[in-house]
């Protein structure tokens, strides 16, 4: 699926309605290029899947509970679990006309941002703190 700036804008609006203010209860490695979050927001559990796969990059809400798909967690999964799990989604944004989604999280170790850039071959899933890319 092709994700342009307009499609990502609609995704940001949906995620703001469903995830903003929610607590991230679990972070899992769903597959080798994808991370899943279980977010408790608005008295419901929501499941967010983010993938930087070069063939099918995506970010979307999933109706069913996500499952761990890797026997050993990835480095980015471990770091995200440490910095994000137990934190709260404070804001979700998209820079104007960009194909980037930024999810700001206030965790136990401070504020971090997860930046998702779903652009096929150039897909990225970044963990950023104070303007420094952690992974």
C-alpha atoms as a PDB file:
ATOM      1  CA  UNK A   1       0.000   0.000   0.000  1.00  0.00           C
ATOM      2  CA  UNK A   2       1.316   3.402  -0.941  1.00  0.00           C
ATOM      3  CA  UNK A   3       1.363   5.808   1.996  1.00  0.00           C
ATOM      4  CA  UNK A   4       1.398   9.456   0.977  1.00  0.00           C
ATOM      5  CA  UNK A   5       1.214  12.527   3.234  1.00  0.00           C
ATOM      6  CA  UNK A   6      -2.590  12.637   3.036  1.00  0.00           C
ATOM      7  CA  UNK A   7      -3.006   8.998   4.059  1.00  0.00           C
ATOM      8  CA  UNK A   8      -0.594   9.463   6.962  1.00  0.00           C
ATOM      9  CA  UNK A   9      -2.535  12.550   8.022  1.00  0.00           C
ATOM     10  CA  UNK A  10      -5.694  10.434   8.285  1.00  0.00           C
ATOM     11  CA  UNK A  11      -3.754   7.816  10.284  1.00  0.00           C
ATOM     12  CA  UNK A  12      -2.468  10.499  12.667  1.00  0.00           C
ATOM     13  CA  UNK A  13      -6.025  11.764  13.222  1.00  0.00           C
ATOM     14  CA  UNK A  14      -7.232   8.225  13.965  1.00  0.00           C
ATOM     15  CA  UNK A  15      -4.350   7.554  16.345  1.00  0.00           C
ATOM     16  CA  UNK A  16      -4.861  10.875  18.136  1.00  0.00           C
ATOM     17  CA  UNK A  17      -8.477   9.877  18.808  1.00  0.00           C
ATOM     18  CA  UNK A  18      -7.640   6.374  20.004  1.00  0.00           C
ATOM     19  CA  UNK A  19      -4.115   6.406  21.489  1.00  0.00           C
ATOM     20  CA  UNK A  20      -3.351   9.909  22.821  1.00  0.00           C
ATOM     21  CA  UNK A  21      -2.993   9.866  26.593  1.00  0.00           C
ATOM     22  CA  UNK A  22      -2.844   6.080  26.655  1.00  0.00           C
ATOM     23  CA  UNK A  23      -0.390   3.964  28.631  1.00  0.00           C
ATOM     24  CA  UNK A  24       1.911   1.627  26.694  1.00  0.00           C
ATOM     25  CA  UNK A  25       1.512  -1.679  28.515  1.00  0.00           C
ATOM     26  CA  UNK A  26       3.583  -3.942  26.291  1.00  0.00           C
ATOM     27  CA  UNK A  27       6.171  -3.667  23.515  1.00  0.00           C
ATOM     28  CA  UNK A  28       6.758  -6.760  21.369  1.00  0.00           C
ATOM     29  CA  UNK A  29       8.810  -7.855  18.405  1.00  0.00           C
ATOM     30  CA  UNK A  30       6.088  -9.097  16.070  1.00  0.00           C
ATOM     31  CA  UNK A  31       8.473  -9.956  13.233  1.00  0.00           C
ATOM     32  CA  UNK A  32      12.004  -9.070  12.126  1.00  0.00           C
ATOM     33  CA  UNK A  33      10.983  -5.601  10.885  1.00  0.00           C
ATOM     34  CA  UNK A  34       7.901  -4.909  12.993  1.00  0.00           C
ATOM     35  CA  UNK A  35       7.210  -3.725  16.517  1.00  0.00           C
ATOM     36  CA  UNK A  36       3.857  -3.904  18.257  1.00  0.00           C
ATOM     37  CA  UNK A  37       2.476  -1.913  21.176  1.00  0.00           C
ATOM     38  CA  UNK A  38      -0.394  -2.681  23.485  1.00  0.00           C
ATOM     39  CA  UNK A  39      -1.821   0.689  24.550  1.00  0.00           C
ATOM     40  CA  UNK A  40      -4.514   1.129  27.179  1.00  0.00           C
ATOM     41  CA  UNK A  41      -6.449   4.270  26.210  1.00  0.00           C
ATOM     42  CA  UNK A  42     -10.043   5.419  26.660  1.00  0.00           C
ATOM     43  CA  UNK A  43     -10.853   2.361  28.825  1.00  0.00           C
ATOM     44  CA  UNK A  44      -9.838  -0.061  26.046  1.00  0.00           C
ATOM     45  CA  UNK A  45      -6.780  -1.963  24.935  1.00  0.00           C
ATOM     46  CA  UNK A  46      -5.555  -0.933  21.505  1.00  0.00           C
ATOM     47  CA  UNK A  47      -2.871  -2.628  19.447  1.00  0.00           C
ATOM     48  CA  UNK A  48      -0.523  -0.624  17.227  1.00  0.00           C
ATOM     49  CA  UNK A  49       1.682  -2.322  14.638  1.00  0.00           C
ATOM     50  CA  UNK A  50       4.661  -0.474  13.112  1.00  0.00           C
ATOM     51  CA  UNK A  51       6.794  -2.014  10.377  1.00  0.00           C
ATOM     52  CA  UNK A  52       9.839  -0.730   8.503  1.00  0.00           C
ATOM     53  CA  UNK A  53       9.821  -3.654   6.065  1.00  0.00           C
ATOM     54  CA  UNK A  54      11.189  -2.542   2.687  1.00  0.00           C
ATOM     55  CA  UNK A  55       8.401  -4.355   0.814  1.00  0.00           C
ATOM     56  CA  UNK A  56       5.405  -3.465   2.985  1.00  0.00           C
ATOM     57  CA  UNK A  57       6.093  -0.598   5.392  1.00  0.00           C
ATOM     58  CA  UNK A  58       3.094   0.247   7.524  1.00  0.00           C
ATOM     59  CA  UNK A  59       1.673   1.615  10.711  1.00  0.00           C
ATOM     60  CA  UNK A  60      -1.869   0.839  11.757  1.00  0.00           C
ATOM     61  CA  UNK A  61      -4.170  -0.199  14.560  1.00  0.00           C
ATOM     62  CA  UNK A  62      -4.837  -3.927  14.740  1.00  0.00           C
ATOM     63  CA  UNK A  63      -8.128  -5.340  16.084  1.00  0.00           C
ATOM     64  CA  UNK A  64      -6.595  -8.481  17.636  1.00  0.00           C
ATOM     65  CA  UNK A  65      -3.894  -8.861  20.257  1.00  0.00           C
ATOM     66  CA  UNK A  66      -0.409  -8.923  18.764  1.00  0.00           C
ATOM     67  CA  UNK A  67       1.860 -11.911  19.436  1.00  0.00           C
ATOM     68  CA  UNK A  68       5.620 -12.167  19.710  1.00  0.00           C
ATOM     69  CA  UNK A  69       7.019 -13.542  16.481  1.00  0.00           C
ATOM     70  CA  UNK A  70      10.730 -13.712  17.237  1.00  0.00           C
ATOM     71  CA  UNK A  71      12.319 -16.142  19.684  1.00  0.00           C
ATOM     72  CA  UNK A  72      14.967 -13.556  20.603  1.00  0.00           C
ATOM     73  CA  UNK A  73      14.075  -9.826  20.825  1.00  0.00           C
ATOM     74  CA  UNK A  74      15.806  -7.376  18.505  1.00  0.00           C
ATOM     75  CA  UNK A  75      18.071  -4.592  19.730  1.00  0.00           C
ATOM     76  CA  UNK A  76      15.551  -1.885  18.842  1.00  0.00           C
ATOM     77  CA  UNK A  77      12.818  -3.921  20.536  1.00  0.00           C
ATOM     78  CA  UNK A  78      14.816  -4.192  23.755  1.00  0.00           C
ATOM     79  CA  UNK A  79      15.669  -0.491  23.749  1.00  0.00           C
ATOM     80  CA  UNK A  80      12.084   0.482  22.983  1.00  0.00           C
ATOM     81  CA  UNK A  81      10.847  -1.819  25.738  1.00  0.00           C
ATOM     82  CA  UNK A  82      13.197  -0.139  28.220  1.00  0.00           C
ATOM     83  CA  UNK A  83      12.352   3.447  27.243  1.00  0.00           C
ATOM     84  CA  UNK A  84       8.714   3.241  26.155  1.00  0.00           C
ATOM     85  CA  UNK A  85       6.991   0.412  28.047  1.00  0.00           C
ATOM     86  CA  UNK A  86       4.997   1.811  30.950  1.00  0.00           C
ATOM     87  CA  UNK A  87       5.089   5.301  29.441  1.00  0.00           C
ATOM     88  CA  UNK A  88       2.262   7.468  28.178  1.00  0.00           C
ATOM     89  CA  UNK A  89       1.579   8.609  24.614  1.00  0.00           C
ATOM     90  CA  UNK A  90       1.692  12.395  24.967  1.00  0.00           C
ATOM     91  CA  UNK A  91       1.325  13.448  21.336  1.00  0.00           C
ATOM     92  CA  UNK A  92       1.143  12.093  17.793  1.00  0.00           C
ATOM     93  CA  UNK A  93       2.051  14.385  14.919  1.00  0.00           C
ATOM     94  CA  UNK A  94       3.061  14.639  11.294  1.00  0.00           C
ATOM     95  CA  UNK A  95       5.229  17.467   9.941  1.00  0.00           C
ATOM     96  CA  UNK A  96       3.358  19.321   7.154  1.00  0.00           C
ATOM     97  CA  UNK A  97       3.562  17.545   3.778  1.00  0.00           C
ATOM     98  CA  UNK A  98       5.977  14.922   5.102  1.00  0.00           C
ATOM     99  CA  UNK A  99       5.604  11.131   5.111  1.00  0.00           C
ATOM    100  CA  UNK A 100       6.673  10.849   8.728  1.00  0.00           C
ATOM    101  CA  UNK A 101       4.706  10.104  11.895  1.00  0.00           C
ATOM    102  CA  UNK A 102       6.152  11.080  15.258  1.00  0.00           C
ATOM    103  CA  UNK A 103       4.792   9.526  18.450  1.00  0.00           C
ATOM    104  CA  UNK A 104       5.944  11.283  21.620  1.00  0.00           C
ATOM    105  CA  UNK A 105       6.097   9.167  24.774  1.00  0.00           C
ATOM    106  CA  UNK A 106       6.788  10.173  28.365  1.00  0.00           C
ATOM    107  CA  UNK A 107       8.426   7.162  29.993  1.00  0.00           C
ATOM    108  CA  UNK A 108      10.168   6.365  33.257  1.00  0.00           C
ATOM    109  CA  UNK A 109      13.516   7.481  31.810  1.00  0.00           C
ATOM    110  CA  UNK A 110      12.151  10.696  30.276  1.00  0.00           C
ATOM    111  CA  UNK A 111      10.626  11.810  27.011  1.00  0.00           C
ATOM    112  CA  UNK A 112      11.391   9.938  23.790  1.00  0.00           C
ATOM    113  CA  UNK A 113       9.949  10.037  20.292  1.00  0.00           C
ATOM    114  CA  UNK A 114       9.304   7.159  17.950  1.00  0.00           C
ATOM    115  CA  UNK A 115       9.578   8.315  14.341  1.00  0.00           C
ATOM    116  CA  UNK A 116       8.102   6.136  11.613  1.00  0.00           C
ATOM    117  CA  UNK A 117       8.944   6.811   7.978  1.00  0.00           C
ATOM    118  CA  UNK A 118       7.020   4.251   5.845  1.00  0.00           C
ATOM    119  CA  UNK A 119       8.622   4.871   2.418  1.00  0.00           C
ATOM    120  CA  UNK A 120       9.130   1.411   0.849  1.00  0.00           C
ATOM    121  CA  UNK A 121      12.877   0.887   0.292  1.00  0.00           C
ATOM    122  CA  UNK A 122      13.792   3.821   2.538  1.00  0.00           C
ATOM    123  CA  UNK A 123      11.580   2.881   5.488  1.00  0.00           C
ATOM    124  CA  UNK A 124      12.778   3.743   8.962  1.00  0.00           C
ATOM    125  CA  UNK A 125      11.661   3.202  12.536  1.00  0.00           C
ATOM    126  CA  UNK A 126      13.696   5.479  14.797  1.00  0.00           C
ATOM    127  CA  UNK A 127      13.881   6.038  18.526  1.00  0.00           C
ATOM    128  CA  UNK A 128      14.886   9.649  19.267  1.00  0.00           C
ATOM    129  CA  UNK A 129      15.681  11.467  22.514  1.00  0.00           C
ATOM    130  CA  UNK A 130      16.576  15.180  22.603  1.00  0.00           C
ATOM    131  CA  UNK A 131      17.218  15.203  18.851  1.00  0.00           C
ATOM    132  CA  UNK A 132      19.663  12.282  19.047  1.00  0.00           C
ATOM    133  CA  UNK A 133      18.824   9.038  17.246  1.00  0.00           C
ATOM    134  CA  UNK A 134      19.181   6.193  19.741  1.00  0.00           C
ATOM    135  CA  UNK A 135      18.369   3.395  17.293  1.00  0.00           C
END
